[in-house]
Amino acid sequence: MNWTDKVQQCWGDWLDKENASFALSETKNDVLAKMTLDAKGNSHAEKLRNARASDAWSMHQSAISEARNAALRAKANLEIMKMRREDELNREWTRRAQMKL
């Protein structure tokens, strides 16, 4: 696999994970609204408090966090791949320059 393919693969991985993270984050308010509607309580404030205290809300928040962390790791891998390529090119340019001296 050449460098272009490796960078494309890292880029695609990052985009997939970034999109998943974004989608989960965008649904946060809808999920909380549905949980609040279904929660037990006499007032909206009590229902909201119960929804936020639920295991399901905690799991959704954890999923958002995990997806964001995965996207950040994928972005870091992409940047590392780009730095490795740049380092390799710099070594090659230095070697060629030294051969001309």
PDB file of N, CA and C in Angstrom:
ATOM      1  N   MET A   1       0.854  -1.176   0.000  1.00  0.00           N
ATOM      2  CA  MET A   1       0.000   0.000   0.000  1.00  0.00           C
ATOM      3  C   MET A   1       0.898   1.237   0.000  1.00  0.00           C
ATOM      4  N   ASN A   2       0.654   2.141  -0.940  1.00  0.00           N
ATOM      5  CA  ASN A   2       1.490   3.338  -1.011  1.00  0.00           C
ATOM      6  C   ASN A   2       0.967   4.407  -0.042  1.00  0.00           C
ATOM      7  N   TRP A   3       1.736   5.497   0.048  1.00  0.00           N
ATOM      8  CA  TRP A   3       1.400   6.555   1.007  1.00  0.00           C
ATOM      9  C   TRP A   3       0.044   7.184   0.721  1.00  0.00           C
ATOM     10  N   THR A   4      -0.258   7.387  -0.532  1.00  0.00           N
ATOM     11  CA  THR A   4      -1.537   7.999  -0.889  1.00  0.00           C
ATOM     12  C   THR A   4      -2.690   7.130  -0.398  1.00  0.00           C
ATOM     13  N   ASP A   5      -2.576   5.830  -0.604  1.00  0.00           N
ATOM     14  CA  ASP A   5      -3.621   4.916  -0.147  1.00  0.00           C
ATOM     15  C   ASP A   5      -3.744   4.932   1.375  1.00  0.00           C
ATOM     16  N   LYS A   6      -2.600   4.961   2.058  1.00  0.00           N
ATOM     17  CA  LYS A   6      -2.618   4.985   3.522  1.00  0.00           C
ATOM     18  C   LYS A   6      -3.268   6.264   4.050  1.00  0.00           C
ATOM     19  N   VAL A   7      -2.924   7.390   3.452  1.00  0.00           N
ATOM     20  CA  VAL A   7      -3.512   8.664   3.886  1.00  0.00           C
ATOM     21  C   VAL A   7      -5.004   8.677   3.567  1.00  0.00           C
ATOM     22  N   GLN A   8      -5.386   8.177   2.401  1.00  0.00           N
ATOM     23  CA  GLN A   8      -6.804   8.114   2.047  1.00  0.00           C
ATOM     24  C   GLN A   8      -7.573   7.241   3.033  1.00  0.00           C
ATOM     25  N   GLN A   9      -6.972   6.121   3.427  1.00  0.00           N
ATOM     26  CA  GLN A   9      -7.611   5.230   4.378  1.00  0.00           C
ATOM     27  C   GLN A   9      -7.770   5.922   5.735  1.00  0.00           C
ATOM     28  N   CYS A  10      -6.730   6.601   6.195  1.00  0.00           N
ATOM     29  CA  CYS A  10      -6.810   7.352   7.459  1.00  0.00           C
ATOM     30  C   CYS A  10      -7.833   8.472   7.364  1.00  0.00           C
ATOM     31  N   TRP A  11      -7.859   9.152   6.242  1.00  0.00           N
ATOM     32  CA  TRP A  11      -8.806  10.249   6.027  1.00  0.00           C
ATOM     33  C   TRP A  11     -10.246   9.717   6.083  1.00  0.00           C
ATOM     34  N   GLY A  12     -10.494   8.609   5.392  1.00  0.00           N
ATOM     35  CA  GLY A  12     -11.825   8.007   5.398  1.00  0.00           C
ATOM     36  C   GLY A  12     -12.245   7.542   6.782  1.00  0.00           C
ATOM     37  N   ASP A  13     -11.306   6.947   7.516  1.00  0.00           N
ATOM     38  CA  ASP A  13     -11.579   6.497   8.878  1.00  0.00           C
ATOM     39  C   ASP A  13     -11.962   7.680   9.758  1.00  0.00           C
ATOM     40  N   TRP A  14     -11.197   8.767   9.644  1.00  0.00           N
ATOM     41  CA  TRP A  14     -11.502   9.959  10.442  1.00  0.00           C
ATOM     42  C   TRP A  14     -12.873  10.528  10.077  1.00  0.00           C
ATOM     43  N   LEU A  15     -13.164  10.634   8.777  1.00  0.00           N
ATOM     44  CA  LEU A  15     -14.461  11.174   8.358  1.00  0.00           C
ATOM     45  C   LEU A  15     -15.622  10.329   8.866  1.00  0.00           C
ATOM     46  N   ASP A  16     -15.482   9.011   8.786  1.00  0.00           N
ATOM     47  CA  ASP A  16     -16.536   8.127   9.284  1.00  0.00           C
ATOM     48  C   ASP A  16     -16.775   8.347  10.771  1.00  0.00           C
ATOM     49  N   LYS A  17     -15.694   8.411  11.530  1.00  0.00           N
ATOM     50  CA  LYS A  17     -15.821   8.578  12.980  1.00  0.00           C
ATOM     51  C   LYS A  17     -16.290   9.981  13.351  1.00  0.00           C
ATOM     52  N   GLU A  18     -15.868  10.968  12.600  1.00  0.00           N
ATOM     53  CA  GLU A  18     -16.318  12.341  12.845  1.00  0.00           C
ATOM     54  C   GLU A  18     -17.818  12.460  12.562  1.00  0.00           C
ATOM     55  N   ASN A  19     -18.272  11.842  11.485  1.00  0.00           N
ATOM     56  CA  ASN A  19     -19.696  11.865  11.159  1.00  0.00           C
ATOM     57  C   ASN A  19     -20.532  11.141  12.209  1.00  0.00           C
ATOM     58  N   ALA A  20     -20.040  10.009  12.695  1.00  0.00           N
ATOM     59  CA  ALA A  20     -20.755   9.276  13.745  1.00  0.00           C
ATOM     60  C   ALA A  20     -20.847  10.113  15.015  1.00  0.00           C
ATOM     61  N   SER A  21     -19.758  10.752  15.364  1.00  0.00           N
ATOM     62  CA  SER A  21     -19.740  11.616  16.549  1.00  0.00           C
ATOM     63  C   SER A  21     -20.717  12.772  16.395  1.00  0.00           C
ATOM     64  N   PHE A  22     -20.705  13.393  15.238  1.00  0.00           N
ATOM     65  CA  PHE A  22     -21.598  14.519  14.972  1.00  0.00           C
ATOM     66  C   PHE A  22     -23.062  14.087  15.041  1.00  0.00           C
ATOM     67  N   ALA A  23     -23.361  12.935  14.439  1.00  0.00           N
ATOM     68  CA  ALA A  23     -24.744  12.450  14.427  1.00  0.00           C
ATOM     69  C   ALA A  23     -25.240  12.191  15.848  1.00  0.00           C
ATOM     70  N   LEU A  24     -24.408  11.573  16.671  1.00  0.00           N
ATOM     71  CA  LEU A  24     -24.806  11.330  18.055  1.00  0.00           C
ATOM     72  C   LEU A  24     -25.008  12.637  18.815  1.00  0.00           C
ATOM     73  N   SER A  25     -24.118  13.571  18.610  1.00  0.00           N
ATOM     74  CA  SER A  25     -24.229  14.861  19.293  1.00  0.00           C
ATOM     75  C   SER A  25     -25.497  15.603  18.869  1.00  0.00           C
ATOM     76  N   GLU A  26     -25.837  15.504  17.600  1.00  0.00           N
ATOM     77  CA  GLU A  26     -27.018  16.186  17.088  1.00  0.00           C
ATOM     78  C   GLU A  26     -28.320  15.606  17.637  1.00  0.00           C
ATOM     79  N   THR A  27     -28.302  14.333  18.032  1.00  0.00           N
ATOM     80  CA  THR A  27     -29.520  13.700  18.539  1.00  0.00           C
ATOM     81  C   THR A  27     -29.694  13.890  20.042  1.00  0.00           C
ATOM     82  N   LYS A  28     -28.713  14.499  20.681  1.00  0.00           N
ATOM     83  CA  LYS A  28     -28.724  14.620  22.138  1.00  0.00           C
ATOM     84  C   LYS A  28     -30.018  15.259  22.652  1.00  0.00           C
ATOM     85  N   ASN A  29     -30.410  16.380  22.095  1.00  0.00           N
ATOM     86  CA  ASN A  29     -31.607  17.079  22.567  1.00  0.00           C
ATOM     87  C   ASN A  29     -32.877  16.278  22.294  1.00  0.00           C
ATOM     88  N   ASP A  30     -32.935  15.617  21.144  1.00  0.00           N
ATOM     89  CA  ASP A  30     -34.108  14.804  20.825  1.00  0.00           C
ATOM     90  C   ASP A  30     -34.234  13.618  21.782  1.00  0.00           C
ATOM     91  N   VAL A  31     -33.109  12.983  22.063  1.00  0.00           N
ATOM     92  CA  VAL A  31     -33.107  11.846  22.988  1.00  0.00           C
ATOM     93  C   VAL A  31     -33.540  12.301  24.373  1.00  0.00           C
ATOM     94  N   LEU A  32     -32.996  13.402  24.838  1.00  0.00           N
ATOM     95  CA  LEU A  32     -33.365  13.906  26.159  1.00  0.00           C
ATOM     96  C   LEU A  32     -34.845  14.295  26.202  1.00  0.00           C
ATOM     97  N   ALA A  33     -35.356  14.892  25.143  1.00  0.00           N
ATOM     98  CA  ALA A  33     -36.768  15.267  25.099  1.00  0.00           C
ATOM     99  C   ALA A  33     -37.663  14.039  25.194  1.00  0.00           C
ATOM    100  N   LYS A  34     -37.302  12.988  24.438  1.00  0.00           N
ATOM    101  CA  LYS A  34     -38.083  11.742  24.480  1.00  0.00           C
ATOM    102  C   LYS A  34     -38.002  11.107  25.857  1.00  0.00           C
ATOM    103  N   MET A  35     -36.833  11.108  26.452  1.00  0.00           N
ATOM    104  CA  MET A  35     -36.677  10.530  27.784  1.00  0.00           C
ATOM    105  C   MET A  35     -37.456  11.331  28.826  1.00  0.00           C
ATOM    106  N   THR A  36     -37.452  12.639  28.677  1.00  0.00           N
ATOM    107  CA  THR A  36     -38.195  13.497  29.600  1.00  0.00           C
ATOM    108  C   THR A  36     -39.690  13.222  29.488  1.00  0.00           C
ATOM    109  N   LEU A  37     -40.163  13.074  28.269  1.00  0.00           N
ATOM    110  CA  LEU A  37     -41.578  12.795  28.028  1.00  0.00           C
ATOM    111  C   LEU A  37     -41.994  11.473  28.667  1.00  0.00           C
ATOM    112  N   ASP A  38     -41.108  10.468  28.585  1.00  0.00           N
ATOM    113  CA  ASP A  38     -41.416   9.129  29.102  1.00  0.00           C
ATOM    114  C   ASP A  38     -41.128   8.976  30.596  1.00  0.00           C
ATOM    115  N   ALA A  39     -40.404   9.918  31.189  1.00  0.00           N
ATOM    116  CA  ALA A  39     -39.985   9.794  32.590  1.00  0.00           C
ATOM    117  C   ALA A  39     -41.164   9.981  33.541  1.00  0.00           C
ATOM    118  N   LYS A  40     -40.983   9.417  34.719  1.00  0.00           N
ATOM    119  CA  LYS A  40     -41.990   9.594  35.767  1.00  0.00           C
ATOM    120  C   LYS A  40     -41.770  10.922  36.460  1.00  0.00           C
ATOM    121  N   GLY A  41     -42.861  11.525  36.889  1.00  0.00           N
ATOM    122  CA  GLY A  41     -42.779  12.781  37.612  1.00  0.00           C
ATOM    123  C   GLY A  41     -44.043  13.582  37.451  1.00  0.00           C
ATOM    124  N   ASN A  42     -44.246  14.505  38.376  1.00  0.00           N
ATOM    125  CA  ASN A  42     -45.465  15.323  38.364  1.00  0.00           C
ATOM    126  C   ASN A  42     -45.282  16.617  37.588  1.00  0.00           C
ATOM    127  N   SER A  43     -44.064  17.072  37.461  1.00  0.00           N
ATOM    128  CA  SER A  43     -43.808  18.323  36.744  1.00  0.00           C
ATOM    129  C   SER A  43     -42.756  18.081  35.670  1.00  0.00           C
ATOM    130  N   HIS A  44     -42.666  19.043  34.763  1.00  0.00           N
ATOM    131  CA  HIS A  44     -41.642  18.927  33.711  1.00  0.00           C
ATOM    132  C   HIS A  44     -40.244  18.903  34.330  1.00  0.00           C
ATOM    133  N   ALA A  45     -40.011  19.736  35.323  1.00  0.00           N
ATOM    134  CA  ALA A  45     -38.695  19.788  35.976  1.00  0.00           C
ATOM    135  C   ALA A  45     -38.337  18.450  36.608  1.00  0.00           C
ATOM    136  N   GLU A  46     -39.310  17.811  37.247  1.00  0.00           N
ATOM    137  CA  GLU A  46     -39.064  16.506  37.870  1.00  0.00           C
ATOM    138  C   GLU A  46     -38.798  15.444  36.804  1.00  0.00           C
ATOM    139  N   LYS A  47     -39.573  15.475  35.726  1.00  0.00           N
ATOM    140  CA  LYS A  47     -39.361  14.522  34.623  1.00  0.00           C
ATOM    141  C   LYS A  47     -37.982  14.717  33.999  1.00  0.00           C
ATOM    142  N   LEU A  48     -37.595  15.979  33.802  1.00  0.00           N
ATOM    143  CA  LEU A  48     -36.283  16.275  33.221  1.00  0.00           C
ATOM    144  C   LEU A  48     -35.165  15.779  34.137  1.00  0.00           C
ATOM    145  N   ARG A  49     -35.322  16.024  35.428  1.00  0.00           N
ATOM    146  CA  ARG A  49     -34.316  15.568  36.395  1.00  0.00           C
ATOM    147  C   ARG A  49     -34.202  14.045  36.374  1.00  0.00           C
ATOM    148  N   ASN A  50     -35.345  13.368  36.337  1.00  0.00           N
ATOM    149  CA  ASN A  50     -35.337  11.906  36.292  1.00  0.00           C
ATOM    150  C   ASN A  50     -34.739  11.387  34.985  1.00  0.00           C
ATOM    151  N   ALA A  51     -35.030  12.060  33.889  1.00  0.00           N
ATOM    152  CA  ALA A  51     -34.465  11.650  32.599  1.00  0.00           C
ATOM    153  C   ALA A  51     -32.945  11.796  32.619  1.00  0.00           C
ATOM    154  N   ARG A  52     -32.473  12.919  33.139  1.00  0.00           N
ATOM    155  CA  ARG A  52     -31.022  13.138  33.203  1.00  0.00           C
ATOM    156  C   ARG A  52     -30.322  12.185  34.161  1.00  0.00           C
ATOM    157  N   ALA A  53     -31.052  11.688  35.141  1.00  0.00           N
ATOM    158  CA  ALA A  53     -30.474  10.763  36.117  1.00  0.00           C
ATOM    159  C   ALA A  53     -30.553   9.305  35.657  1.00  0.00           C
ATOM    160  N   SER A  54     -31.197   9.063  34.542  1.00  0.00           N
ATOM    161  CA  SER A  54     -31.413   7.682  34.091  1.00  0.00           C
ATOM    162  C   SER A  54     -30.142   7.055  33.522  1.00  0.00           C
ATOM    163  N   ASP A  55     -30.119   5.736  33.587  1.00  0.00           N
ATOM    164  CA  ASP A  55     -29.005   4.982  33.006  1.00  0.00           C
ATOM    165  C   ASP A  55     -28.962   5.155  31.488  1.00  0.00           C
ATOM    166  N   ALA A  56     -30.121   5.244  30.873  1.00  0.00           N
ATOM    167  CA  ALA A  56     -30.171   5.399  29.413  1.00  0.00           C
ATOM    168  C   ALA A  56     -29.526   6.715  28.985  1.00  0.00           C
ATOM    169  N   TRP A  57     -29.766   7.798  29.724  1.00  0.00           N
ATOM    170  CA  TRP A  57     -29.156   9.086  29.399  1.00  0.00           C
ATOM    171  C   TRP A  57     -27.648   9.017  29.609  1.00  0.00           C
ATOM    172  N   SER A  58     -27.261   8.376  30.694  1.00  0.00           N
ATOM    173  CA  SER A  58     -25.826   8.211  30.966  1.00  0.00           C
ATOM    174  C   SER A  58     -25.151   7.417  29.849  1.00  0.00           C
ATOM    175  N   MET A  59     -25.824   6.375  29.378  1.00  0.00           N
ATOM    176  CA  MET A  59     -25.272   5.570  28.284  1.00  0.00           C
ATOM    177  C   MET A  59     -25.183   6.385  27.002  1.00  0.00           C
ATOM    178  N   HIS A  60     -26.173   7.220  26.733  1.00  0.00           N
ATOM    179  CA  HIS A  60     -26.141   8.059  25.532  1.00  0.00           C
ATOM    180  C   HIS A  60     -24.984   9.063  25.626  1.00  0.00           C
ATOM    181  N   GLN A  61     -24.803   9.664  26.780  1.00  0.00           N
ATOM    182  CA  GLN A  61     -23.704  10.606  26.978  1.00  0.00           C
ATOM    183  C   GLN A  61     -22.354   9.902  26.807  1.00  0.00           C
ATOM    184  N   SER A  62     -22.258   8.689  27.327  1.00  0.00           N
ATOM    185  CA  SER A  62     -21.025   7.908  27.174  1.00  0.00           C
ATOM    186  C   SER A  62     -20.762   7.580  25.712  1.00  0.00           C
ATOM    187  N   ALA A  63     -21.816   7.248  24.986  1.00  0.00           N
ATOM    188  CA  ALA A  63     -21.667   6.940  23.554  1.00  0.00           C
ATOM    189  C   ALA A  63     -21.170   8.163  22.794  1.00  0.00           C
ATOM    190  N   ILE A  64     -21.695   9.332  23.127  1.00  0.00           N
ATOM    191  CA  ILE A  64     -21.235  10.567  22.495  1.00  0.00           C
ATOM    192  C   ILE A  64     -19.753  10.787  22.787  1.00  0.00           C
ATOM    193  N   SER A  65     -19.384  10.607  24.041  1.00  0.00           N
ATOM    194  CA  SER A  65     -17.991  10.803  24.449  1.00  0.00           C
ATOM    195  C   SER A  65     -17.058   9.812  23.753  1.00  0.00           C
ATOM    196  N   GLU A  66     -17.462   8.553  23.709  1.00  0.00           N
ATOM    197  CA  GLU A  66     -16.636   7.529  23.053  1.00  0.00           C
ATOM    198  C   GLU A  66     -16.488   7.807  21.562  1.00  0.00           C
ATOM    199  N   ALA A  67     -17.571   8.221  20.925  1.00  0.00           N
ATOM    200  CA  ALA A  67     -17.519   8.535  19.490  1.00  0.00           C
ATOM    201  C   ALA A  67     -16.603   9.725  19.243  1.00  0.00           C
ATOM    202  N   ARG A  68     -16.670  10.726  20.103  1.00  0.00           N
ATOM    203  CA  ARG A  68     -15.802  11.904  19.948  1.00  0.00           C
ATOM    204  C   ARG A  68     -14.338  11.521  20.134  1.00  0.00           C
ATOM    205  N   ASN A  69     -14.073  10.698  21.144  1.00  0.00           N
ATOM    206  CA  ASN A  69     -12.695  10.247  21.379  1.00  0.00           C
ATOM    207  C   ASN A  69     -12.171   9.434  20.200  1.00  0.00           C
ATOM    208  N   ALA A  70     -13.015   8.584  19.636  1.00  0.00           N
ATOM    209  CA  ALA A  70     -12.607   7.788  18.466  1.00  0.00           C
ATOM    210  C   ALA A  70     -12.296   8.703  17.286  1.00  0.00           C
ATOM    211  N   ALA A  71     -13.105   9.741  17.100  1.00  0.00           N
ATOM    212  CA  ALA A  71     -12.857  10.687  16.003  1.00  0.00           C
ATOM    213  C   ALA A  71     -11.552  11.438  16.230  1.00  0.00           C
ATOM    214  N   LEU A  72     -11.291  11.832  17.460  1.00  0.00           N
ATOM    215  CA  LEU A  72     -10.043  12.544  17.758  1.00  0.00           C
ATOM    216  C   LEU A  72      -8.819  11.651  17.552  1.00  0.00           C
ATOM    217  N   ARG A  73      -8.943  10.375  17.953  1.00  0.00           N
ATOM    218  CA  ARG A  73      -7.826   9.437  17.728  1.00  0.00           C
ATOM    219  C   ARG A  73      -7.593   9.225  16.234  1.00  0.00           C
ATOM    220  N   ALA A  74      -8.662   9.115  15.474  1.00  0.00           N
ATOM    221  CA  ALA A  74      -8.535   8.931  14.019  1.00  0.00           C
ATOM    222  C   ALA A  74      -7.889  10.160  13.388  1.00  0.00           C
ATOM    223  N   LYS A  75      -8.254  11.352  13.850  1.00  0.00           N
ATOM    224  CA  LYS A  75      -7.645  12.588  13.335  1.00  0.00           C
ATOM    225  C   LYS A  75      -6.164  12.624  13.678  1.00  0.00           C
ATOM    226  N   ALA A  76      -5.827  12.211  14.893  1.00  0.00           N
ATOM    227  CA  ALA A  76      -4.415  12.166  15.293  1.00  0.00           C
ATOM    228  C   ALA A  76      -3.645  11.186  14.415  1.00  0.00           C
ATOM    229  N   ASN A  77      -4.234  10.029  14.125  1.00  0.00           N
ATOM    230  CA  ASN A  77      -3.572   9.055  13.246  1.00  0.00           C
ATOM    231  C   ASN A  77      -3.347   9.630  11.860  1.00  0.00           C
ATOM    232  N   LEU A  78      -4.316  10.379  11.361  1.00  0.00           N
ATOM    233  CA  LEU A  78      -4.168  11.030  10.057  1.00  0.00           C
ATOM    234  C   LEU A  78      -3.014  12.024  10.083  1.00  0.00           C
ATOM    235  N   GLU A  79      -2.952  12.837  11.116  1.00  0.00           N
ATOM    236  CA  GLU A  79      -1.870  13.825  11.226  1.00  0.00           C
ATOM    237  C   GLU A  79      -0.513  13.142  11.365  1.00  0.00           C
ATOM    238  N   ILE A  80      -0.452  12.055  12.125  1.00  0.00           N
ATOM    239  CA  ILE A  80       0.803  11.304  12.273  1.00  0.00           C
ATOM    240  C   ILE A  80       1.236  10.744  10.923  1.00  0.00           C
ATOM    241  N   MET A  81       0.282  10.203  10.174  1.00  0.00           N
ATOM    242  CA  MET A  81       0.601   9.658   8.851  1.00  0.00           C
ATOM    243  C   MET A  81       1.155  10.755   7.947  1.00  0.00           C
ATOM    244  N   LYS A  82       0.543  11.931   7.977  1.00  0.00           N
ATOM    245  CA  LYS A  82       1.016  13.042   7.145  1.00  0.00           C
ATOM    246  C   LYS A  82       2.419  13.494   7.588  1.00  0.00           C
ATOM    247  N   MET A  83       2.662  13.519   8.893  1.00  0.00           N
ATOM    248  CA  MET A  83       3.986  13.917   9.388  1.00  0.00           C
ATOM    249  C   MET A  83       5.054  12.903   8.990  1.00  0.00           C
ATOM    250  N   ARG A  84       4.704  11.624   9.042  1.00  0.00           N
ATOM    251  CA  ARG A  84       5.662  10.582   8.631  1.00  0.00           C
ATOM    252  C   ARG A  84       6.036  10.743   7.159  1.00  0.00           C
ATOM    253  N   ARG A  85       5.042  11.031   6.344  1.00  0.00           N
ATOM    254  CA  ARG A  85       5.307  11.216   4.918  1.00  0.00           C
ATOM    255  C   ARG A  85       6.200  12.432   4.691  1.00  0.00           C
ATOM    256  N   GLU A  86       5.888  13.518   5.379  1.00  0.00           N
ATOM    257  CA  GLU A  86       6.705  14.727   5.255  1.00  0.00           C
ATOM    258  C   GLU A  86       8.133  14.470   5.733  1.00  0.00           C
ATOM    259  N   ASP A  87       8.275  13.727   6.812  1.00  0.00           N
ATOM    260  CA  ASP A  87       9.602  13.390   7.321  1.00  0.00           C
ATOM    261  C   ASP A  87      10.373  12.548   6.303  1.00  0.00           C
ATOM    262  N   GLU A  88       9.687  11.599   5.701  1.00  0.00           N
ATOM    263  CA  GLU A  88      10.335  10.756   4.692  1.00  0.00           C
ATOM    264  C   GLU A  88      10.788  11.596   3.496  1.00  0.00           C
ATOM    265  N   LEU A  89       9.938  12.509   3.054  1.00  0.00           N
ATOM    266  CA  LEU A  89      10.304  13.379   1.934  1.00  0.00           C
ATOM    267  C   LEU A  89      11.478  14.282   2.297  1.00  0.00           C
ATOM    268  N   ASN A  90      11.475  14.824   3.507  1.00  0.00           N
ATOM    269  CA  ASN A  90      12.587  15.669   3.945  1.00  0.00           C
ATOM    270  C   ASN A  90      13.903  14.903   3.976  1.00  0.00           C
ATOM    271  N   ARG A  91      13.864  13.668   4.446  1.00  0.00           N
ATOM    272  CA  ARG A  91      15.085  12.841   4.451  1.00  0.00           C
ATOM    273  C   ARG A  91      15.577  12.599   3.032  1.00  0.00           C
ATOM    274  N   GLU A  92      14.650  12.336   2.133  1.00  0.00           N
ATOM    275  CA  GLU A  92      15.016  12.095   0.739  1.00  0.00           C
ATOM    276  C   GLU A  92      15.612  13.362   0.106  1.00  0.00           C
ATOM    277  N   TRP A  93      14.995  14.516   0.382  1.00  0.00           N
ATOM    278  CA  TRP A  93      15.517  15.773  -0.169  1.00  0.00           C
ATOM    279  C   TRP A  93      16.902  16.080   0.402  1.00  0.00           C
ATOM    280  N   THR A  94      17.091  15.804   1.674  1.00  0.00           N
ATOM    281  CA  THR A  94      18.400  16.025   2.303  1.00  0.00           C
ATOM    282  C   THR A  94      19.446  15.106   1.684  1.00  0.00           C
ATOM    283  N   ARG A  95      19.085  13.845   1.501  1.00  0.00           N
ATOM    284  CA  ARG A  95      20.021  12.886   0.892  1.00  0.00           C
ATOM    285  C   ARG A  95      20.414  13.333  -0.511  1.00  0.00           C
ATOM    286  N   ARG A  96      19.441  13.781  -1.272  1.00  0.00           N
ATOM    287  CA  ARG A  96      19.743  14.240  -2.638  1.00  0.00           C
ATOM    288  C   ARG A  96      20.608  15.494  -2.627  1.00  0.00           C
ATOM    289  N   ALA A  97      20.333  16.402  -1.706  1.00  0.00           N
ATOM    290  CA  ALA A  97      21.137  17.624  -1.601  1.00  0.00           C
ATOM    291  C   ALA A  97      22.567  17.298  -1.219  1.00  0.00           C
ATOM    292  N   GLN A  98      22.757  16.339  -0.316  1.00  0.00           N
ATOM    293  CA  GLN A  98      24.105  15.948   0.104  1.00  0.00           C
ATOM    294  C   GLN A  98      24.862  15.270  -1.045  1.00  0.00           C
ATOM    295  N   MET A  99      24.149  14.552  -1.893  1.00  0.00           N
ATOM    296  CA  MET A  99      24.807  13.901  -3.034  1.00  0.00           C
ATOM    297  C   MET A  99      25.330  14.929  -4.023  1.00  0.00           C
ATOM    298  N   LYS A 100      24.699  16.093  -4.120  1.00  0.00           N
ATOM    299  CA  LYS A 100      25.128  17.133  -5.060  1.00  0.00           C
ATOM    300  C   LYS A 100      26.351  17.872  -4.549  1.00  0.00           C
ATOM    301  N   LEU A 101      26.581  17.826  -3.234  1.00  0.00           N
ATOM    302  CA  LEU A 101      27.749  18.527  -2.679  1.00  0.00           C
ATOM    303  C   LEU A 101      28.960  17.753  -2.974  1.00  0.00           C
TER     304      LEU A 101
END
